[in-house]
Amino acid sequence: MSSVGVRRPVAERIHHPPVESLDLATIMRALGDPARLEIMRLLADGRPRVCGEVYATLGVPNSTGSYHLRTLREAGLTRSRPAGTQRYISLRREDVERRFPGLIDAVVGGRAAR
């Protein structure tokens, strides 16, 4: 089969809401699930995690973990960074702190790393 006319996928772009658009009601809805709170606690040490590590820690299937990570990202709480076939997830601590000071520490129970 010829490769003429075959489109190659464009590099994936992951949307992260700007700091100014972070909304407390949206953030609180995202944090309303125990699994997502556990993800926040996991990321609070400041070390980015690959998606698979998050899924394994939670003990959930990839599809369920992906849903939770997308919810947190769309609320502006986490950042996803593609690296080859992996995706690294990290907490947007500085951004959230700038908009809602003290929220991260309140959510993770004061166990947050600085």
C-alpha atoms as a PDB file:
ATOM      1  CA  MET A   1       0.000   0.000   0.000  1.00  0.00           C
ATOM      2  CA  SER A   2       1.338   3.419  -0.949  1.00  0.00           C
ATOM      3  CA  SER A   3       2.010   6.084   1.667  1.00  0.00           C
ATOM      4  CA  VAL A   4       1.014   8.864  -0.756  1.00  0.00           C
ATOM      5  CA  GLY A   5      -1.804  10.898   0.731  1.00  0.00           C
ATOM      6  CA  VAL A   6      -1.514   9.285   4.161  1.00  0.00           C
ATOM      7  CA  ARG A   7      -1.700  11.835   6.935  1.00  0.00           C
ATOM      8  CA  ARG A   8       0.665  11.528   9.823  1.00  0.00           C
ATOM      9  CA  PRO A   9      -0.642  12.372  13.284  1.00  0.00           C
ATOM     10  CA  VAL A  10       0.164  15.862  14.508  1.00  0.00           C
ATOM     11  CA  ALA A  11       2.039  16.086  17.796  1.00  0.00           C
ATOM     12  CA  GLU A  12      -0.427  15.814  20.649  1.00  0.00           C
ATOM     13  CA  ARG A  13      -1.235  19.032  22.453  1.00  0.00           C
ATOM     14  CA  ILE A  14      -2.501  18.762  25.978  1.00  0.00           C
ATOM     15  CA  HIS A  15      -4.695  21.635  27.149  1.00  0.00           C
ATOM     16  CA  HIS A  16      -4.004  23.104  30.577  1.00  0.00           C
ATOM     17  CA  PRO A  17      -6.261  25.951  31.720  1.00  0.00           C
ATOM     18  CA  PRO A  18      -4.500  29.260  32.354  1.00  0.00           C
ATOM     19  CA  VAL A  19      -4.072  30.297  35.995  1.00  0.00           C
ATOM     20  CA  GLU A  20      -6.508  33.195  35.612  1.00  0.00           C
ATOM     21  CA  SER A  21      -9.300  30.813  34.612  1.00  0.00           C
ATOM     22  CA  LEU A  22      -8.929  28.421  37.570  1.00  0.00           C
ATOM     23  CA  ASP A  23     -12.314  28.233  39.255  1.00  0.00           C
ATOM     24  CA  LEU A  24     -12.804  27.163  42.868  1.00  0.00           C
ATOM     25  CA  ALA A  25     -16.154  25.443  42.206  1.00  0.00           C
ATOM     26  CA  THR A  26     -14.606  23.385  39.375  1.00  0.00           C
ATOM     27  CA  ILE A  27     -11.625  22.486  41.540  1.00  0.00           C
ATOM     28  CA  MET A  28     -13.836  21.418  44.433  1.00  0.00           C
ATOM     29  CA  ARG A  29     -15.956  19.237  42.120  1.00  0.00           C
ATOM     30  CA  ALA A  30     -12.772  17.594  40.840  1.00  0.00           C
ATOM     31  CA  LEU A  31     -11.645  16.946  44.407  1.00  0.00           C
ATOM     32  CA  GLY A  32     -14.993  15.428  45.347  1.00  0.00           C
ATOM     33  CA  ASP A  33     -13.840  11.893  44.579  1.00  0.00           C
ATOM     34  CA  PRO A  34     -11.640   9.876  46.985  1.00  0.00           C
ATOM     35  CA  ALA A  35      -9.498   8.533  44.114  1.00  0.00           C
ATOM     36  CA  ARG A  36      -8.694  12.045  42.921  1.00  0.00           C
ATOM     37  CA  LEU A  37      -7.842  13.127  46.465  1.00  0.00           C
ATOM     38  CA  GLU A  38      -5.455  10.174  46.646  1.00  0.00           C
ATOM     39  CA  ILE A  39      -3.832  11.292  43.377  1.00  0.00           C
ATOM     40  CA  MET A  40      -3.340  14.765  44.873  1.00  0.00           C
ATOM     41  CA  ARG A  41      -1.701  13.238  47.959  1.00  0.00           C
ATOM     42  CA  LEU A  42       0.521  11.074  45.771  1.00  0.00           C
ATOM     43  CA  LEU A  43       1.706  14.077  43.745  1.00  0.00           C
ATOM     44  CA  ALA A  44       2.126  16.364  46.772  1.00  0.00           C
ATOM     45  CA  ASP A  45       5.755  15.303  47.225  1.00  0.00           C
ATOM     46  CA  GLY A  46       6.597  17.236  44.061  1.00  0.00           C
ATOM     47  CA  ARG A  47       7.843  14.220  42.078  1.00  0.00           C
ATOM     48  CA  PRO A  48       6.180  13.754  38.657  1.00  0.00           C
ATOM     49  CA  ARG A  49       4.675  10.297  38.128  1.00  0.00           C
ATOM     50  CA  VAL A  50       4.000   8.371  34.945  1.00  0.00           C
ATOM     51  CA  CYS A  51       0.336   7.536  34.405  1.00  0.00           C
ATOM     52  CA  GLY A  52       0.896   3.811  34.920  1.00  0.00           C
ATOM     53  CA  GLU A  53       2.381   4.432  38.358  1.00  0.00           C
ATOM     54  CA  VAL A  54      -0.684   6.457  39.346  1.00  0.00           C
ATOM     55  CA  TYR A  55      -3.033   3.736  38.084  1.00  0.00           C
ATOM     56  CA  ALA A  56      -1.096   1.030  39.916  1.00  0.00           C
ATOM     57  CA  THR A  57      -1.040   2.998  43.165  1.00  0.00           C
ATOM     58  CA  LEU A  58      -4.806   3.497  42.991  1.00  0.00           C
ATOM     59  CA  GLY A  59      -5.403  -0.081  41.855  1.00  0.00           C
ATOM     60  CA  VAL A  60      -7.676   1.024  39.010  1.00  0.00           C
ATOM     61  CA  PRO A  61      -7.862   0.127  35.309  1.00  0.00           C
ATOM     62  CA  ASN A  62      -6.150   2.474  32.851  1.00  0.00           C
ATOM     63  CA  SER A  63      -9.478   3.831  31.594  1.00  0.00           C
ATOM     64  CA  THR A  64     -10.631   4.775  35.098  1.00  0.00           C
ATOM     65  CA  GLY A  65      -7.272   6.286  36.002  1.00  0.00           C
ATOM     66  CA  SER A  66      -7.211   8.247  32.760  1.00  0.00           C
ATOM     67  CA  TYR A  67     -10.652   9.681  33.546  1.00  0.00           C
ATOM     68  CA  HIS A  68      -9.501  10.826  37.010  1.00  0.00           C
ATOM     69  CA  LEU A  69      -6.288  12.366  35.647  1.00  0.00           C
ATOM     70  CA  ARG A  70      -8.193  14.197  32.908  1.00  0.00           C
ATOM     71  CA  THR A  71     -10.648  15.578  35.480  1.00  0.00           C
ATOM     72  CA  LEU A  72      -7.797  16.921  37.625  1.00  0.00           C
ATOM     73  CA  ARG A  73      -5.986  18.378  34.594  1.00  0.00           C
ATOM     74  CA  GLU A  74      -9.099  20.085  33.237  1.00  0.00           C
ATOM     75  CA  ALA A  75      -9.736  21.612  36.677  1.00  0.00           C
ATOM     76  CA  GLY A  76      -6.199  23.046  36.558  1.00  0.00           C
ATOM     77  CA  LEU A  77      -4.773  20.992  39.422  1.00  0.00           C
ATOM     78  CA  THR A  78      -2.288  18.870  37.487  1.00  0.00           C
ATOM     79  CA  ARG A  79      -0.037  19.120  34.457  1.00  0.00           C
ATOM     80  CA  SER A  80       0.528  16.339  31.929  1.00  0.00           C
ATOM     81  CA  ARG A  81       3.805  16.247  30.031  1.00  0.00           C
ATOM     82  CA  PRO A  82       4.254  13.778  27.192  1.00  0.00           C
ATOM     83  CA  ALA A  83       7.623  12.033  26.997  1.00  0.00           C
ATOM     84  CA  GLY A  84       7.708   9.469  24.214  1.00  0.00           C
ATOM     85  CA  THR A  85       5.052   6.883  24.929  1.00  0.00           C
ATOM     86  CA  GLN A  86       4.773   7.969  28.561  1.00  0.00           C
ATOM     87  CA  ARG A  87       2.966  10.882  30.136  1.00  0.00           C
ATOM     88  CA  TYR A  88       4.272  12.496  33.321  1.00  0.00           C
ATOM     89  CA  ILE A  89       1.758  13.948  35.762  1.00  0.00           C
ATOM     90  CA  SER A  90       2.681  16.657  38.252  1.00  0.00           C
ATOM     91  CA  LEU A  91       0.863  18.990  40.591  1.00  0.00           C
ATOM     92  CA  ARG A  92       0.435  22.607  39.464  1.00  0.00           C
ATOM     93  CA  ARG A  93       1.295  23.743  42.983  1.00  0.00           C
ATOM     94  CA  GLU A  94       2.593  27.231  42.155  1.00  0.00           C
ATOM     95  CA  ASP A  95      -0.312  28.016  39.832  1.00  0.00           C
ATOM     96  CA  VAL A  96      -2.971  26.854  42.287  1.00  0.00           C
ATOM     97  CA  GLU A  97      -1.239  28.581  45.214  1.00  0.00           C
ATOM     98  CA  ARG A  98      -1.119  31.850  43.277  1.00  0.00           C
ATOM     99  CA  ARG A  99      -4.869  31.676  42.656  1.00  0.00           C
ATOM    100  CA  PHE A 100      -6.009  29.989  45.916  1.00  0.00           C
ATOM    101  CA  PRO A 101      -3.342  30.282  48.644  1.00  0.00           C
ATOM    102  CA  GLY A 102      -3.303  27.353  51.066  1.00  0.00           C
ATOM    103  CA  LEU A 103      -5.657  25.145  49.053  1.00  0.00           C
ATOM    104  CA  ILE A 104      -3.132  22.414  48.223  1.00  0.00           C
ATOM    105  CA  ASP A 105      -2.017  22.027  51.847  1.00  0.00           C
ATOM    106  CA  ALA A 106      -5.658  21.918  52.980  1.00  0.00           C
ATOM    107  CA  VAL A 107      -6.461  19.223  50.415  1.00  0.00           C
ATOM    108  CA  VAL A 108      -3.492  16.966  51.115  1.00  0.00           C
ATOM    109  CA  GLY A 109      -3.736  17.341  54.878  1.00  0.00           C
ATOM    110  CA  GLY A 110      -0.585  19.374  55.373  1.00  0.00           C
ATOM    111  CA  ARG A 111       1.622  16.609  53.950  1.00  0.00           C
ATOM    112  CA  ALA A 112       2.608  18.705  50.943  1.00  0.00           C
ATOM    113  CA  ALA A 113       6.244  19.081  50.034  1.00  0.00           C
ATOM    114  CA  ARG A 114       7.598  22.542  49.266  1.00  0.00           C
END
